[in-house]
N, C-alpha and C. Protein backbone atom coordinates (compact mmCIF):
# COMPACT_ATOMS: atom_id res chain seq x y z
N MET A 1 0.93 0.79 15.94
CA MET A 1 1.33 0.19 14.67
C MET A 1 2.73 -0.38 14.82
N GLY A 2 2.95 -1.52 14.22
CA GLY A 2 4.26 -2.17 14.26
C GLY A 2 5.19 -1.62 13.19
N ILE A 3 6.26 -2.32 12.98
CA ILE A 3 7.24 -1.95 11.97
C ILE A 3 6.69 -2.32 10.59
N PRO A 4 6.70 -1.38 9.62
CA PRO A 4 6.23 -1.70 8.27
C PRO A 4 7.12 -2.77 7.62
N ILE A 5 6.50 -3.77 7.03
CA ILE A 5 7.24 -4.85 6.38
C ILE A 5 7.12 -4.70 4.87
N GLU A 6 8.25 -4.72 4.19
CA GLU A 6 8.32 -4.64 2.74
C GLU A 6 8.85 -5.98 2.20
N ILE A 7 8.32 -6.42 1.08
CA ILE A 7 8.88 -7.61 0.45
C ILE A 7 9.90 -7.18 -0.60
N ILE A 8 11.02 -7.89 -0.65
CA ILE A 8 12.13 -7.55 -1.54
C ILE A 8 12.67 -8.85 -2.14
N GLY A 9 12.87 -8.85 -3.42
CA GLY A 9 13.48 -10.00 -4.09
C GLY A 9 12.45 -10.98 -4.60
N GLY A 10 12.48 -11.25 -5.87
CA GLY A 10 11.56 -12.20 -6.47
C GLY A 10 10.12 -11.70 -6.54
N VAL A 11 9.96 -10.40 -6.46
CA VAL A 11 8.62 -9.82 -6.47
C VAL A 11 8.16 -9.64 -7.92
N ASN A 12 7.05 -10.26 -8.26
CA ASN A 12 6.47 -10.10 -9.60
C ASN A 12 4.97 -10.40 -9.52
N HIS A 13 4.30 -10.34 -10.65
CA HIS A 13 2.83 -10.51 -10.65
C HIS A 13 2.39 -11.91 -10.19
N LYS A 14 3.29 -12.87 -10.24
CA LYS A 14 2.95 -14.22 -9.78
C LYS A 14 3.16 -14.39 -8.28
N THR A 15 4.14 -13.67 -7.70
CA THR A 15 4.47 -13.86 -6.30
C THR A 15 3.76 -12.89 -5.35
N VAL A 16 3.35 -11.74 -5.82
CA VAL A 16 2.69 -10.75 -4.95
C VAL A 16 1.45 -11.33 -4.27
N PRO A 17 0.58 -12.05 -4.98
CA PRO A 17 -0.62 -12.59 -4.31
C PRO A 17 -0.31 -13.52 -3.13
N ASN A 18 0.88 -14.10 -3.08
CA ASN A 18 1.25 -14.95 -1.94
C ASN A 18 1.35 -14.15 -0.64
N SER A 19 1.47 -12.83 -0.75
CA SER A 19 1.61 -11.96 0.42
C SER A 19 0.29 -11.36 0.88
N LYS A 20 -0.78 -11.67 0.18
CA LYS A 20 -2.09 -11.10 0.52
C LYS A 20 -2.50 -11.51 1.93
N GLY A 21 -2.94 -10.53 2.70
CA GLY A 21 -3.43 -10.78 4.04
C GLY A 21 -2.35 -10.93 5.10
N LEU A 22 -1.09 -10.70 4.75
CA LEU A 22 0.00 -10.86 5.71
C LEU A 22 0.42 -9.55 6.38
N GLY A 23 -0.25 -8.46 6.03
CA GLY A 23 0.09 -7.17 6.62
C GLY A 23 1.31 -6.52 5.99
N ILE A 24 1.63 -6.90 4.77
CA ILE A 24 2.76 -6.32 4.07
C ILE A 24 2.45 -4.87 3.73
N TYR A 25 3.43 -4.00 3.91
CA TYR A 25 3.26 -2.57 3.67
C TYR A 25 3.53 -2.22 2.21
N GLY A 26 4.51 -2.88 1.59
CA GLY A 26 4.86 -2.56 0.21
C GLY A 26 5.87 -3.54 -0.34
N ALA A 27 6.32 -3.23 -1.57
CA ALA A 27 7.24 -4.13 -2.25
C ALA A 27 8.30 -3.33 -3.00
N ALA A 28 9.51 -3.87 -3.05
CA ALA A 28 10.60 -3.29 -3.84
C ALA A 28 10.69 -4.10 -5.13
N VAL A 29 10.53 -3.42 -6.24
CA VAL A 29 10.45 -4.11 -7.52
C VAL A 29 11.38 -3.45 -8.53
N VAL A 30 12.12 -4.26 -9.28
CA VAL A 30 12.94 -3.73 -10.36
C VAL A 30 12.72 -4.59 -11.62
N SER A 31 13.25 -5.80 -11.62
CA SER A 31 13.25 -6.61 -12.84
C SER A 31 11.85 -6.96 -13.34
N ALA A 32 10.88 -7.08 -12.45
CA ALA A 32 9.52 -7.40 -12.87
C ALA A 32 8.93 -6.30 -13.73
N VAL A 33 9.49 -5.11 -13.64
CA VAL A 33 9.01 -3.98 -14.43
C VAL A 33 9.94 -3.68 -15.59
N VAL A 34 11.21 -3.48 -15.32
CA VAL A 34 12.13 -3.04 -16.38
C VAL A 34 12.45 -4.12 -17.40
N SER A 35 12.14 -5.36 -17.11
CA SER A 35 12.40 -6.43 -18.07
C SER A 35 11.25 -6.62 -19.05
N GLN A 36 10.19 -5.85 -18.89
CA GLN A 36 9.02 -5.98 -19.75
C GLN A 36 9.12 -5.03 -20.94
N PRO A 37 8.51 -5.41 -22.07
CA PRO A 37 8.56 -4.55 -23.26
C PRO A 37 7.88 -3.19 -23.03
N ASP A 38 6.79 -3.17 -22.28
CA ASP A 38 6.07 -1.94 -21.97
C ASP A 38 6.23 -1.67 -20.47
N ILE A 39 7.27 -0.95 -20.13
CA ILE A 39 7.61 -0.70 -18.73
C ILE A 39 6.50 0.05 -18.00
N GLU A 40 5.93 1.04 -18.65
CA GLU A 40 4.87 1.82 -18.00
C GLU A 40 3.67 0.95 -17.66
N LYS A 41 3.24 0.10 -18.60
CA LYS A 41 2.10 -0.78 -18.35
C LYS A 41 2.44 -1.80 -17.26
N ALA A 42 3.65 -2.35 -17.30
CA ALA A 42 4.06 -3.33 -16.29
C ALA A 42 4.05 -2.70 -14.90
N ALA A 43 4.53 -1.47 -14.78
CA ALA A 43 4.55 -0.78 -13.49
C ALA A 43 3.12 -0.51 -13.00
N LYS A 44 2.27 -0.06 -13.89
CA LYS A 44 0.88 0.22 -13.51
C LYS A 44 0.17 -1.05 -13.08
N ASP A 45 0.31 -2.11 -13.85
CA ASP A 45 -0.35 -3.38 -13.52
C ASP A 45 0.13 -3.95 -12.19
N LEU A 46 1.43 -3.89 -11.96
CA LEU A 46 1.98 -4.43 -10.71
C LEU A 46 1.57 -3.56 -9.52
N ARG A 47 1.52 -2.26 -9.72
CA ARG A 47 1.07 -1.38 -8.64
C ARG A 47 -0.37 -1.69 -8.26
N GLU A 48 -1.24 -1.85 -9.25
CA GLU A 48 -2.64 -2.18 -8.97
C GLU A 48 -2.75 -3.50 -8.23
N LEU A 49 -1.97 -4.49 -8.63
CA LEU A 49 -1.98 -5.78 -7.96
C LEU A 49 -1.52 -5.64 -6.51
N CYS A 50 -0.44 -4.88 -6.30
CA CYS A 50 0.05 -4.66 -4.94
C CYS A 50 -0.98 -3.94 -4.09
N GLU A 51 -1.62 -2.93 -4.64
CA GLU A 51 -2.65 -2.22 -3.87
C GLU A 51 -3.78 -3.15 -3.48
N ASP A 52 -4.16 -4.03 -4.37
CA ASP A 52 -5.22 -4.99 -4.06
C ASP A 52 -4.76 -5.97 -2.98
N CYS A 53 -3.56 -6.49 -3.11
CA CYS A 53 -3.08 -7.50 -2.18
C CYS A 53 -2.69 -6.93 -0.82
N PHE A 54 -2.20 -5.69 -0.80
CA PHE A 54 -1.73 -5.09 0.45
C PHE A 54 -2.76 -4.19 1.10
N GLY A 55 -3.92 -4.05 0.46
CA GLY A 55 -5.00 -3.26 1.04
C GLY A 55 -4.80 -1.76 0.99
N ARG A 56 -4.25 -1.26 -0.06
CA ARG A 56 -4.05 0.19 -0.22
C ARG A 56 -4.92 0.72 -1.31
């Protein structure tokens, strides 16, 4: 296994799908979650999207 690659910066529900199939291990996310009115829902939705796109 190689070095795990994480995406950082500009990560949100619109940009995560651009990383699908690239072997990305995970993502560092702050503003895409905490800037939303329902932080818990935003975190859950983005996690599900990341799991789908990153194969987890």
